[in-house]
Amino acid sequence: VHCLKYGLTTHNILRVKMLTMDGELVTIG
């Protein structure tokens, strides 16, 4: 309900760590 002023998730995250399907740990942001 407050996304009008403060944005969606994409506007409120700085970094994501994720695993690819082959198991590689990748840091984005």
mmCIF file of all heavy atoms, coordinates in Angstrom:
data_MODEL
# 
_entry.id   MODEL 
# 
loop_
_atom_site.group_PDB 
_atom_site.id 
_atom_site.type_symbol 
_atom_site.label_atom_id 
_atom_site.label_alt_id 
_atom_site.label_comp_id 
_atom_site.label_asym_id 
_atom_site.label_entity_id 
_atom_site.label_seq_id 
_atom_site.pdbx_PDB_ins_code 
_atom_site.Cartn_x 
_atom_site.Cartn_y 
_atom_site.Cartn_z 
_atom_site.occupancy 
_atom_site.B_iso_or_equiv 
_atom_site.pdbx_formal_charge 
_atom_site.auth_seq_id 
_atom_site.auth_comp_id 
_atom_site.auth_asym_id 
_atom_site.auth_atom_id 
_atom_site.pdbx_PDB_model_num 
ATOM 1   N N   . VAL A 1 1  ? 0.804  -1.212  0.000   1.00 0.00 ? 1  VAL A N   1 
ATOM 2   C CA  . VAL A 1 1  ? 0.000  0.000   0.000   1.00 0.00 ? 1  VAL A CA  1 
ATOM 3   C C   . VAL A 1 1  ? 0.844  1.272   0.000   1.00 0.00 ? 1  VAL A C   1 
ATOM 4   O O   . VAL A 1 1  ? 0.337  2.358   -0.302  1.00 0.00 ? 1  VAL A O   1 
ATOM 5   C CB  . VAL A 1 1  ? -0.983 0.015   1.193   1.00 0.00 ? 1  VAL A CB  1 
ATOM 6   C CG1 . VAL A 1 1  ? -1.948 -1.155  1.106   1.00 0.00 ? 1  VAL A CG1 1 
ATOM 7   C CG2 . VAL A 1 1  ? -0.249 0.002   2.525   1.00 0.00 ? 1  VAL A CG2 1 
ATOM 8   N N   . HIS A 1 2  ? 2.120  1.179   0.343   1.00 0.00 ? 2  HIS A N   1 
ATOM 9   C CA  . HIS A 1 2  ? 2.970  2.375   0.373   1.00 0.00 ? 2  HIS A CA  1 
ATOM 10  C C   . HIS A 1 2  ? 3.951  2.438   -0.802  1.00 0.00 ? 2  HIS A C   1 
ATOM 11  O O   . HIS A 1 2  ? 4.939  3.179   -0.757  1.00 0.00 ? 2  HIS A O   1 
ATOM 12  C CB  . HIS A 1 2  ? 3.732  2.438   1.701   1.00 0.00 ? 2  HIS A CB  1 
ATOM 13  C CG  . HIS A 1 2  ? 2.858  2.746   2.874   1.00 0.00 ? 2  HIS A CG  1 
ATOM 14  N ND1 . HIS A 1 2  ? 2.295  1.771   3.659   1.00 0.00 ? 2  HIS A ND1 1 
ATOM 15  C CD2 . HIS A 1 2  ? 2.423  3.937   3.376   1.00 0.00 ? 2  HIS A CD2 1 
ATOM 16  C CE1 . HIS A 1 2  ? 1.562  2.340   4.603   1.00 0.00 ? 2  HIS A CE1 1 
ATOM 17  N NE2 . HIS A 1 2  ? 1.614  3.641   4.451   1.00 0.00 ? 2  HIS A NE2 1 
ATOM 18  N N   . CYS A 1 3  ? 3.679  1.672   -1.860  1.00 0.00 ? 3  CYS A N   1 
ATOM 19  C CA  . CYS A 1 3  ? 4.622  1.627   -2.978  1.00 0.00 ? 3  CYS A CA  1 
ATOM 20  C C   . CYS A 1 3  ? 4.593  2.899   -3.825  1.00 0.00 ? 3  CYS A C   1 
ATOM 21  O O   . CYS A 1 3  ? 5.542  3.173   -4.558  1.00 0.00 ? 3  CYS A O   1 
ATOM 22  C CB  . CYS A 1 3  ? 4.384  0.403   -3.838  1.00 0.00 ? 3  CYS A CB  1 
ATOM 23  S SG  . CYS A 1 3  ? 2.780  0.374   -4.674  1.00 0.00 ? 3  CYS A SG  1 
ATOM 24  N N   . LEU A 1 4  ? 3.516  3.682   -3.746  1.00 0.00 ? 4  LEU A N   1 
ATOM 25  C CA  . LEU A 1 4  ? 3.437  4.903   -4.554  1.00 0.00 ? 4  LEU A CA  1 
ATOM 26  C C   . LEU A 1 4  ? 4.619  5.822   -4.269  1.00 0.00 ? 4  LEU A C   1 
ATOM 27  O O   . LEU A 1 4  ? 5.274  6.327   -5.178  1.00 0.00 ? 4  LEU A O   1 
ATOM 28  C CB  . LEU A 1 4  ? 2.117  5.634   -4.275  1.00 0.00 ? 4  LEU A CB  1 
ATOM 29  C CG  . LEU A 1 4  ? 1.957  7.013   -4.907  1.00 0.00 ? 4  LEU A CG  1 
ATOM 30  C CD1 . LEU A 1 4  ? 2.061  6.934   -6.428  1.00 0.00 ? 4  LEU A CD1 1 
ATOM 31  C CD2 . LEU A 1 4  ? 0.635  7.649   -4.496  1.00 0.00 ? 4  LEU A CD2 1 
ATOM 32  N N   . LYS A 1 5  ? 4.911  6.035   -2.997  1.00 0.00 ? 5  LYS A N   1 
ATOM 33  C CA  . LYS A 1 5  ? 5.990  6.945   -2.611  1.00 0.00 ? 5  LYS A CA  1 
ATOM 34  C C   . LYS A 1 5  ? 7.330  6.235   -2.464  1.00 0.00 ? 5  LYS A C   1 
ATOM 35  O O   . LYS A 1 5  ? 8.375  6.790   -2.806  1.00 0.00 ? 5  LYS A O   1 
ATOM 36  C CB  . LYS A 1 5  ? 5.633  7.644   -1.297  1.00 0.00 ? 5  LYS A CB  1 
ATOM 37  C CG  . LYS A 1 5  ? 6.633  8.706   -0.853  1.00 0.00 ? 5  LYS A CG  1 
ATOM 38  C CD  . LYS A 1 5  ? 6.126  9.458   0.365   1.00 0.00 ? 5  LYS A CD  1 
ATOM 39  C CE  . LYS A 1 5  ? 7.074  10.575  0.780   1.00 0.00 ? 5  LYS A CE  1 
ATOM 40  N NZ  . LYS A 1 5  ? 6.552  11.341  1.950   1.00 0.00 ? 5  LYS A NZ  1 
ATOM 41  N N   . TYR A 1 6  ? 7.303  4.992   -1.982  1.00 0.00 ? 6  TYR A N   1 
ATOM 42  C CA  . TYR A 1 6  ? 8.549  4.334   -1.604  1.00 0.00 ? 6  TYR A CA  1 
ATOM 43  C C   . TYR A 1 6  ? 8.978  3.210   -2.532  1.00 0.00 ? 6  TYR A C   1 
ATOM 44  O O   . TYR A 1 6  ? 10.040 2.630   -2.353  1.00 0.00 ? 6  TYR A O   1 
ATOM 45  C CB  . TYR A 1 6  ? 8.440  3.824   -0.163  1.00 0.00 ? 6  TYR A CB  1 
ATOM 46  C CG  . TYR A 1 6  ? 8.289  4.956   0.817   1.00 0.00 ? 6  TYR A CG  1 
ATOM 47  C CD1 . TYR A 1 6  ? 7.080  5.177   1.473   1.00 0.00 ? 6  TYR A CD1 1 
ATOM 48  C CD2 . TYR A 1 6  ? 9.337  5.837   1.059   1.00 0.00 ? 6  TYR A CD2 1 
ATOM 49  C CE1 . TYR A 1 6  ? 6.927  6.232   2.360   1.00 0.00 ? 6  TYR A CE1 1 
ATOM 50  C CE2 . TYR A 1 6  ? 9.205  6.894   1.940   1.00 0.00 ? 6  TYR A CE2 1 
ATOM 51  C CZ  . TYR A 1 6  ? 7.995  7.083   2.590   1.00 0.00 ? 6  TYR A CZ  1 
ATOM 52  O OH  . TYR A 1 6  ? 7.851  8.140   3.459   1.00 0.00 ? 6  TYR A OH  1 
ATOM 53  N N   . GLY A 1 7  ? 8.159  2.907   -3.527  1.00 0.00 ? 7  GLY A N   1 
ATOM 54  C CA  . GLY A 1 7  ? 8.577  1.957   -4.547  1.00 0.00 ? 7  GLY A CA  1 
ATOM 55  C C   . GLY A 1 7  ? 8.318  0.502   -4.201  1.00 0.00 ? 7  GLY A C   1 
ATOM 56  O O   . GLY A 1 7  ? 7.812  0.154   -3.130  1.00 0.00 ? 7  GLY A O   1 
ATOM 57  N N   . LEU A 1 8  ? 8.670  -0.357  -5.162  1.00 0.00 ? 8  LEU A N   1 
ATOM 58  C CA  . LEU A 1 8  ? 8.510  -1.800  -5.042  1.00 0.00 ? 8  LEU A CA  1 
ATOM 59  C C   . LEU A 1 8  ? 9.773  -2.408  -4.435  1.00 0.00 ? 8  LEU A C   1 
ATOM 60  O O   . LEU A 1 8  ? 10.718 -1.695  -4.071  1.00 0.00 ? 8  LEU A O   1 
ATOM 61  C CB  . LEU A 1 8  ? 8.232  -2.391  -6.420  1.00 0.00 ? 8  LEU A CB  1 
ATOM 62  C CG  . LEU A 1 8  ? 7.045  -1.792  -7.193  1.00 0.00 ? 8  LEU A CG  1 
ATOM 63  C CD1 . LEU A 1 8  ? 7.064  -2.269  -8.637  1.00 0.00 ? 8  LEU A CD1 1 
ATOM 64  C CD2 . LEU A 1 8  ? 5.729  -2.159  -6.534  1.00 0.00 ? 8  LEU A CD2 1 
ATOM 65  N N   . THR A 1 9  ? 9.805  -3.723  -4.362  1.00 0.00 ? 9  THR A N   1 
ATOM 66  C CA  . THR A 1 9  ? 10.980 -4.398  -3.805  1.00 0.00 ? 9  THR A CA  1 
ATOM 67  C C   . THR A 1 9  ? 12.258 -3.997  -4.527  1.00 0.00 ? 9  THR A C   1 
ATOM 68  O O   . THR A 1 9  ? 13.293 -3.766  -3.892  1.00 0.00 ? 9  THR A O   1 
ATOM 69  C CB  . THR A 1 9  ? 10.793 -5.927  -3.887  1.00 0.00 ? 9  THR A CB  1 
ATOM 70  O OG1 . THR A 1 9  ? 9.645  -6.301  -3.117  1.00 0.00 ? 9  THR A OG1 1 
ATOM 71  C CG2 . THR A 1 9  ? 12.006 -6.653  -3.339  1.00 0.00 ? 9  THR A CG2 1 
ATOM 72  N N   . THR A 1 10 ? 12.191 -3.898  -5.855  1.00 0.00 ? 10 THR A N   1 
ATOM 73  C CA  . THR A 1 10 ? 13.395 -3.573  -6.629  1.00 0.00 ? 10 THR A CA  1 
ATOM 74  C C   . THR A 1 10 ? 14.022 -2.243  -6.224  1.00 0.00 ? 10 THR A C   1 
ATOM 75  O O   . THR A 1 10 ? 15.229 -2.048  -6.378  1.00 0.00 ? 10 THR A O   1 
ATOM 76  C CB  . THR A 1 10 ? 13.083 -3.571  -8.145  1.00 0.00 ? 10 THR A CB  1 
ATOM 77  O OG1 . THR A 1 10 ? 14.295 -3.445  -8.878  1.00 0.00 ? 10 THR A OG1 1 
ATOM 78  C CG2 . THR A 1 10 ? 12.147 -2.432  -8.527  1.00 0.00 ? 10 THR A CG2 1 
ATOM 79  N N   . HIS A 1 11 ? 13.214 -1.319  -5.692  1.00 0.00 ? 11 HIS A N   1 
ATOM 80  C CA  . HIS A 1 11 ? 13.730 -0.014  -5.267  1.00 0.00 ? 11 HIS A CA  1 
ATOM 81  C C   . HIS A 1 11 ? 14.250 -0.034  -3.831  1.00 0.00 ? 11 HIS A C   1 
ATOM 82  O O   . HIS A 1 11 ? 14.781 0.972   -3.357  1.00 0.00 ? 11 HIS A O   1 
ATOM 83  C CB  . HIS A 1 11 ? 12.623 1.036   -5.376  1.00 0.00 ? 11 HIS A CB  1 
ATOM 84  C CG  . HIS A 1 11 ? 11.996 1.117   -6.722  1.00 0.00 ? 11 HIS A CG  1 
ATOM 85  N ND1 . HIS A 1 11 ? 10.692 0.727   -6.970  1.00 0.00 ? 11 HIS A ND1 1 
ATOM 86  C CD2 . HIS A 1 11 ? 12.502 1.507   -7.926  1.00 0.00 ? 11 HIS A CD2 1 
ATOM 87  C CE1 . HIS A 1 11 ? 10.421 0.891   -8.252  1.00 0.00 ? 11 HIS A CE1 1 
ATOM 88  N NE2 . HIS A 1 11 ? 11.493 1.356   -8.853  1.00 0.00 ? 11 HIS A NE2 1 
ATOM 89  N N   . ASN A 1 12 ? 14.099 -1.166  -3.160  1.00 0.00 ? 12 ASN A N   1 
ATOM 90  C CA  . ASN A 1 12 ? 14.412 -1.221  -1.733  1.00 0.00 ? 12 ASN A CA  1 
ATOM 91  C C   . ASN A 1 12 ? 15.370 -2.345  -1.358  1.00 0.00 ? 12 ASN A C   1 
ATOM 92  O O   . ASN A 1 12 ? 15.472 -2.705  -0.183  1.00 0.00 ? 12 ASN A O   1 
ATOM 93  C CB  . ASN A 1 12 ? 13.111 -1.370  -0.930  1.00 0.00 ? 12 ASN A CB  1 
ATOM 94  C CG  . ASN A 1 12 ? 12.274 -0.098  -0.942  1.00 0.00 ? 12 ASN A CG  1 
ATOM 95  O OD1 . ASN A 1 12 ? 12.501 0.818   -0.165  1.00 0.00 ? 12 ASN A OD1 1 
ATOM 96  N ND2 . ASN A 1 12 ? 11.313 -0.042  -1.854  1.00 0.00 ? 12 ASN A ND2 1 
ATOM 97  N N   . ILE A 1 13 ? 16.076 -2.887  -2.338  1.00 0.00 ? 13 ILE A N   1 
ATOM 98  C CA  . ILE A 1 13 ? 17.116 -3.870  -2.055  1.00 0.00 ? 13 ILE A CA  1 
ATOM 99  C C   . ILE A 1 13 ? 18.442 -3.379  -2.625  1.00 0.00 ? 13 ILE A C   1 
ATOM 100 O O   . ILE A 1 13 ? 18.478 -2.651  -3.624  1.00 0.00 ? 13 ILE A O   1 
ATOM 101 C CB  . ILE A 1 13 ? 16.767 -5.261  -2.621  1.00 0.00 ? 13 ILE A CB  1 
ATOM 102 C CG1 . ILE A 1 13 ? 16.501 -5.208  -4.129  1.00 0.00 ? 13 ILE A CG1 1 
ATOM 103 C CG2 . ILE A 1 13 ? 15.572 -5.843  -1.880  1.00 0.00 ? 13 ILE A CG2 1 
ATOM 104 C CD1 . ILE A 1 13 ? 16.258 -6.583  -4.749  1.00 0.00 ? 13 ILE A CD1 1 
ATOM 105 N N   . LEU A 1 14 ? 19.526 -3.756  -1.968  1.00 0.00 ? 14 LEU A N   1 
ATOM 106 C CA  . LEU A 1 14 ? 20.865 -3.336  -2.374  1.00 0.00 ? 14 LEU A CA  1 
ATOM 107 C C   . LEU A 1 14 ? 21.691 -4.480  -2.958  1.00 0.00 ? 14 LEU A C   1 
ATOM 108 O O   . LEU A 1 14 ? 22.498 -4.276  -3.853  1.00 0.00 ? 14 LEU A O   1 
ATOM 109 C CB  . LEU A 1 14 ? 21.617 -2.747  -1.174  1.00 0.00 ? 14 LEU A CB  1 
ATOM 110 C CG  . LEU A 1 14 ? 21.095 -1.422  -0.624  1.00 0.00 ? 14 LEU A CG  1 
ATOM 111 C CD1 . LEU A 1 14 ? 21.739 -1.140  0.725   1.00 0.00 ? 14 LEU A CD1 1 
ATOM 112 C CD2 . LEU A 1 14 ? 21.405 -0.294  -1.600  1.00 0.00 ? 14 LEU A CD2 1 
ATOM 113 N N   . ARG A 1 15 ? 21.501 -5.659  -2.374  1.00 0.00 ? 15 ARG A N   1 
ATOM 114 C CA  . ARG A 1 15 ? 22.340 -6.787  -2.794  1.00 0.00 ? 15 ARG A CA  1 
ATOM 115 C C   . ARG A 1 15 ? 21.571 -8.095  -2.622  1.00 0.00 ? 15 ARG A C   1 
ATOM 116 O O   . ARG A 1 15 ? 20.781 -8.248  -1.688  1.00 0.00 ? 15 ARG A O   1 
ATOM 117 C CB  . ARG A 1 15 ? 23.624 -6.833  -1.955  1.00 0.00 ? 15 ARG A CB  1 
ATOM 118 C CG  . ARG A 1 15 ? 24.661 -7.834  -2.437  1.00 0.00 ? 15 ARG A CG  1 
ATOM 119 C CD  . ARG A 1 15 ? 25.878 -7.862  -1.533  1.00 0.00 ? 15 ARG A CD  1 
ATOM 120 N NE  . ARG A 1 15 ? 25.614 -8.566  -0.277  1.00 0.00 ? 15 ARG A NE  1 
ATOM 121 C CZ  . ARG A 1 15 ? 26.486 -8.700  0.722   1.00 0.00 ? 15 ARG A CZ  1 
ATOM 122 N NH1 . ARG A 1 15 ? 27.692 -8.149  0.608   1.00 0.00 ? 15 ARG A NH1 1 
ATOM 123 N NH2 . ARG A 1 15 ? 26.160 -9.355  1.820   1.00 0.00 ? 15 ARG A NH2 1 
ATOM 124 N N   . VAL A 1 16 ? 21.816 -9.017  -3.536  1.00 0.00 ? 16 VAL A N   1 
ATOM 125 C CA  . VAL A 1 16 ? 21.236 -10.348 -3.459  1.00 0.00 ? 16 VAL A CA  1 
ATOM 126 C C   . VAL A 1 16 ? 22.341 -11.375 -3.671  1.00 0.00 ? 16 VAL A C   1 
ATOM 127 O O   . VAL A 1 16 ? 23.170 -11.223 -4.568  1.00 0.00 ? 16 VAL A O   1 
ATOM 128 C CB  . VAL A 1 16 ? 20.138 -10.549 -4.533  1.00 0.00 ? 16 VAL A CB  1 
ATOM 129 C CG1 . VAL A 1 16 ? 19.825 -12.020 -4.722  1.00 0.00 ? 16 VAL A CG1 1 
ATOM 130 C CG2 . VAL A 1 16 ? 18.875 -9.787  -4.158  1.00 0.00 ? 16 VAL A CG2 1 
ATOM 131 N N   . LYS A 1 17 ? 22.364 -12.396 -2.823  1.00 0.00 ? 17 LYS A N   1 
ATOM 132 C CA  . LYS A 1 17 ? 23.209 -13.557 -3.070  1.00 0.00 ? 17 LYS A CA  1 
ATOM 133 C C   . LYS A 1 17 ? 22.297 -14.681 -3.531  1.00 0.00 ? 17 LYS A C   1 
ATOM 134 O O   . LYS A 1 17 ? 21.268 -14.940 -2.906  1.00 0.00 ? 17 LYS A O   1 
ATOM 135 C CB  . LYS A 1 17 ? 23.970 -13.971 -1.818  1.00 0.00 ? 17 LYS A CB  1 
ATOM 136 C CG  . LYS A 1 17 ? 25.085 -13.006 -1.431  1.00 0.00 ? 17 LYS A CG  1 
ATOM 137 C CD  . LYS A 1 17 ? 25.898 -13.549 -0.266  1.00 0.00 ? 17 LYS A CD  1 
ATOM 138 C CE  . LYS A 1 17 ? 27.040 -12.595 0.089   1.00 0.00 ? 17 LYS A CE  1 
ATOM 139 N NZ  . LYS A 1 17 ? 27.844 -13.127 1.231   1.00 0.00 ? 17 LYS A NZ  1 
ATOM 140 N N   . MET A 1 18 ? 22.687 -15.321 -4.620  1.00 0.00 ? 18 MET A N   1 
ATOM 141 C CA  . MET A 1 18 ? 21.841 -16.389 -5.152  1.00 0.00 ? 18 MET A CA  1 
ATOM 142 C C   . MET A 1 18 ? 22.690 -17.542 -5.646  1.00 0.00 ? 18 MET A C   1 
ATOM 143 O O   . MET A 1 18 ? 23.878 -17.386 -5.959  1.00 0.00 ? 18 MET A O   1 
ATOM 144 C CB  . MET A 1 18 ? 20.963 -15.865 -6.281  1.00 0.00 ? 18 MET A CB  1 
ATOM 145 C CG  . MET A 1 18 ? 21.708 -15.581 -7.560  1.00 0.00 ? 18 MET A CG  1 
ATOM 146 S SD  . MET A 1 18 ? 20.598 -15.279 -8.937  1.00 0.00 ? 18 MET A SD  1 
ATOM 147 C CE  . MET A 1 18 ? 21.725 -15.498 -10.337 1.00 0.00 ? 18 MET A CE  1 
ATOM 148 N N   . LEU A 1 19 ? 22.066 -18.710 -5.706  1.00 0.00 ? 19 LEU A N   1 
ATOM 149 C CA  . LEU A 1 19 ? 22.700 -19.891 -6.269  1.00 0.00 ? 19 LEU A CA  1 
ATOM 150 C C   . LEU A 1 19 ? 22.140 -20.139 -7.658  1.00 0.00 ? 19 LEU A C   1 
ATOM 151 O O   . LEU A 1 19 ? 20.924 -20.131 -7.857  1.00 0.00 ? 19 LEU A O   1 
ATOM 152 C CB  . LEU A 1 19 ? 22.434 -21.109 -5.394  1.00 0.00 ? 19 LEU A CB  1 
ATOM 153 C CG  . LEU A 1 19 ? 23.162 -21.162 -4.049  1.00 0.00 ? 19 LEU A CG  1 
ATOM 154 C CD1 . LEU A 1 19 ? 22.618 -22.289 -3.194  1.00 0.00 ? 19 LEU A CD1 1 
ATOM 155 C CD2 . LEU A 1 19 ? 24.657 -21.325 -4.250  1.00 0.00 ? 19 LEU A CD2 1 
ATOM 156 N N   . THR A 1 20 ? 23.022 -20.345 -8.621  1.00 0.00 ? 20 THR A N   1 
ATOM 157 C CA  . THR A 1 20 ? 22.568 -20.761 -9.943  1.00 0.00 ? 20 THR A CA  1 
ATOM 158 C C   . THR A 1 20 ? 22.213 -22.246 -9.890  1.00 0.00 ? 20 THR A C   1 
ATOM 159 O O   . THR A 1 20 ? 22.490 -22.935 -8.907  1.00 0.00 ? 20 THR A O   1 
ATOM 160 C CB  . THR A 1 20 ? 23.658 -20.526 -10.996 1.00 0.00 ? 20 THR A CB  1 
ATOM 161 O OG1 . THR A 1 20 ? 24.808 -21.307 -10.645 1.00 0.00 ? 20 THR A OG1 1 
ATOM 162 C CG2 . THR A 1 20 ? 24.047 -19.053 -11.050 1.00 0.00 ? 20 THR A CG2 1 
ATOM 163 N N   . MET A 1 21 ? 21.612 -22.760 -10.950 1.00 0.00 ? 21 MET A N   1 
ATOM 164 C CA  . MET A 1 21 ? 21.166 -24.145 -10.958 1.00 0.00 ? 21 MET A CA  1 
ATOM 165 C C   . MET A 1 21 ? 22.335 -25.119 -10.856 1.00 0.00 ? 21 MET A C   1 
ATOM 166 O O   . MET A 1 21 ? 22.173 -26.245 -10.384 1.00 0.00 ? 21 MET A O   1 
ATOM 167 C CB  . MET A 1 21 ? 20.335 -24.416 -12.216 1.00 0.00 ? 21 MET A CB  1 
ATOM 168 C CG  . MET A 1 21 ? 19.659 -25.770 -12.239 1.00 0.00 ? 21 MET A CG  1 
ATOM 169 S SD  . MET A 1 21 ? 18.524 -26.044 -10.861 1.00 0.00 ? 21 MET A SD  1 
ATOM 170 C CE  . MET A 1 21 ? 18.663 -27.825 -10.645 1.00 0.00 ? 21 MET A CE  1 
ATOM 171 N N   . ASP A 1 22 ? 23.522 -24.704 -11.259 1.00 0.00 ? 22 ASP A N   1 
ATOM 172 C CA  . ASP A 1 22 ? 24.666 -25.611 -11.133 1.00 0.00 ? 22 ASP A CA  1 
ATOM 173 C C   . ASP A 1 22 ? 25.414 -25.422 -9.818  1.00 0.00 ? 22 ASP A C   1 
ATOM 174 O O   . ASP A 1 22 ? 26.507 -25.962 -9.622  1.00 0.00 ? 22 ASP A O   1 
ATOM 175 C CB  . ASP A 1 22 ? 25.618 -25.475 -12.323 1.00 0.00 ? 22 ASP A CB  1 
ATOM 176 C CG  . ASP A 1 22 ? 26.155 -24.060 -12.488 1.00 0.00 ? 22 ASP A CG  1 
ATOM 177 O OD1 . ASP A 1 22 ? 25.862 -23.203 -11.628 1.00 0.00 ? 22 ASP A OD1 1 
ATOM 178 O OD2 . ASP A 1 22 ? 26.874 -23.814 -13.478 1.00 0.00 ? 22 ASP A OD2 1 
ATOM 179 N N   . GLY A 1 23 ? 24.824 -24.627 -8.903  1.00 0.00 ? 23 GLY A N   1 
ATOM 180 C CA  . GLY A 1 23 ? 25.368 -24.512 -7.553  1.00 0.00 ? 23 GLY A CA  1 
ATOM 181 C C   . GLY A 1 23 ? 26.362 -23.395 -7.335  1.00 0.00 ? 23 GLY A C   1 
ATOM 182 O O   . GLY A 1 23 ? 26.948 -23.288 -6.247  1.00 0.00 ? 23 GLY A O   1 
ATOM 183 N N   . GLU A 1 24 ? 26.561 -22.524 -8.312  1.00 0.00 ? 24 GLU A N   1 
ATOM 184 C CA  . GLU A 1 24 ? 27.497 -21.406 -8.129  1.00 0.00 ? 24 GLU A CA  1 
ATOM 185 C C   . GLU A 1 24 ? 26.843 -20.317 -7.286  1.00 0.00 ? 24 GLU A C   1 
ATOM 186 O O   . GLU A 1 24 ? 25.706 -19.922 -7.535  1.00 0.00 ? 24 GLU A O   1 
ATOM 187 C CB  . GLU A 1 24 ? 27.904 -20.830 -9.482  1.00 0.00 ? 24 GLU A CB  1 
ATOM 188 C CG  . GLU A 1 24 ? 28.896 -19.677 -9.368  1.00 0.00 ? 24 GLU A CG  1 
ATOM 189 C CD  . GLU A 1 24 ? 29.246 -19.070 -10.708 1.00 0.00 ? 24 GLU A CD  1 
ATOM 190 O OE1 . GLU A 1 24 ? 28.714 -19.528 -11.736 1.00 0.00 ? 24 GLU A OE1 1 
ATOM 191 O OE2 . GLU A 1 24 ? 30.049 -18.105 -10.731 1.00 0.00 ? 24 GLU A OE2 1 
ATOM 192 N N   . LEU A 1 25 ? 27.564 -19.838 -6.280  1.00 0.00 ? 25 LEU A N   1 
ATOM 193 C CA  . LEU A 1 25 ? 27.076 -18.746 -5.445  1.00 0.00 ? 25 LEU A CA  1 
ATOM 194 C C   . LEU A 1 25 ? 27.476 -17.422 -6.084  1.00 0.00 ? 25 LEU A C   1 
ATOM 195 O O   . LEU A 1 25 ? 28.661 -17.143 -6.278  1.00 0.00 ? 25 LEU A O   1 
ATOM 196 C CB  . LEU A 1 25 ? 27.653 -18.849 -4.034  1.00 0.00 ? 25 LEU A CB  1 
ATOM 197 C CG  . LEU A 1 25 ? 27.170 -17.800 -3.028  1.00 0.00 ? 25 LEU A CG  1 
ATOM 198 C CD1 . LEU A 1 25 ? 25.668 -17.899 -2.804  1.00 0.00 ? 25 LEU A CD1 1 
ATOM 199 C CD2 . LEU A 1 25 ? 27.915 -17.935 -1.707  1.00 0.00 ? 25 LEU A CD2 1 
ATOM 200 N N   . VAL A 1 26 ? 26.476 -16.608 -6.417  1.00 0.00 ? 26 VAL A N   1 
ATOM 201 C CA  . VAL A 1 26 ? 26.699 -15.349 -7.135  1.00 0.00 ? 26 VAL A CA  1 
ATOM 202 C C   . VAL A 1 26 ? 26.201 -14.185 -6.283  1.00 0.00 ? 26 VAL A C   1 
ATOM 203 O O   . VAL A 1 26 ? 25.121 -14.251 -5.699  1.00 0.00 ? 26 VAL A O   1 
ATOM 204 C CB  . VAL A 1 26 ? 25.945 -15.357 -8.489  1.00 0.00 ? 26 VAL A CB  1 
ATOM 205 C CG1 . VAL A 1 26 ? 26.132 -14.034 -9.217  1.00 0.00 ? 26 VAL A CG1 1 
ATOM 206 C CG2 . VAL A 1 26 ? 26.408 -16.524 -9.345  1.00 0.00 ? 26 VAL A CG2 1 
ATOM 207 N N   . THR A 1 27 ? 27.009 -13.129 -6.202  1.00 0.00 ? 27 THR A N   1 
ATOM 208 C CA  . THR A 1 27 ? 26.600 -11.913 -5.497  1.00 0.00 ? 27 THR A CA  1 
ATOM 209 C C   . THR A 1 27 ? 26.284 -10.836 -6.515  1.00 0.00 ? 27 THR A C   1 
ATOM 210 O O   . THR A 1 27 ? 27.105 -10.525 -7.386  1.00 0.00 ? 27 THR A O   1 
ATOM 211 C CB  . THR A 1 27 ? 27.714 -11.411 -4.559  1.00 0.00 ? 27 THR A CB  1 
ATOM 212 O OG1 . THR A 1 27 ? 27.985 -12.421 -3.582  1.00 0.00 ? 27 THR A OG1 1 
ATOM 213 C CG2 . THR A 1 27 ? 27.281 -10.139 -3.837  1.00 0.00 ? 27 THR A CG2 1 
ATOM 214 N N   . ILE A 1 28 ? 25.075 -10.291 -6.418  1.00 0.00 ? 28 ILE A N   1 
ATOM 215 C CA  . ILE A 1 28 ? 24.618 -9.259  -7.354  1.00 0.00 ? 28 ILE A CA  1 
ATOM 216 C C   . ILE A 1 28 ? 24.308 -7.996  -6.551  1.00 0.00 ? 28 ILE A C   1 
ATOM 217 O O   . ILE A 1 28 ? 23.566 -8.033  -5.575  1.00 0.00 ? 28 ILE A O   1 
ATOM 218 C CB  . ILE A 1 28 ? 23.371 -9.727  -8.108  1.00 0.00 ? 28 ILE A CB  1 
ATOM 219 C CG1 . ILE A 1 28 ? 23.705 -10.958 -8.962  1.00 0.00 ? 28 ILE A CG1 1 
ATOM 220 C CG2 . ILE A 1 28 ? 22.803 -8.614  -8.990  1.00 0.00 ? 28 ILE A CG2 1 
ATOM 221 C CD1 . ILE A 1 28 ? 22.508 -11.583 -9.635  1.00 0.00 ? 28 ILE A CD1 1 
ATOM 222 N N   . GLY A 1 29 ? 24.871 -6.855  -6.977  1.00 0.00 ? 29 GLY A N   1 
ATOM 223 C CA  . GLY A 1 29 ? 24.687 -5.616  -6.242  1.00 0.00 ? 29 GLY A CA  1 
ATOM 224 C C   . GLY A 1 29 ? 25.754 -5.459  -5.171  1.00 0.00 ? 29 GLY A C   1 
ATOM 225 O O   . GLY A 1 29 ? 26.711 -6.232  -5.086  1.00 0.00 ? 29 GLY A O   1 
# 
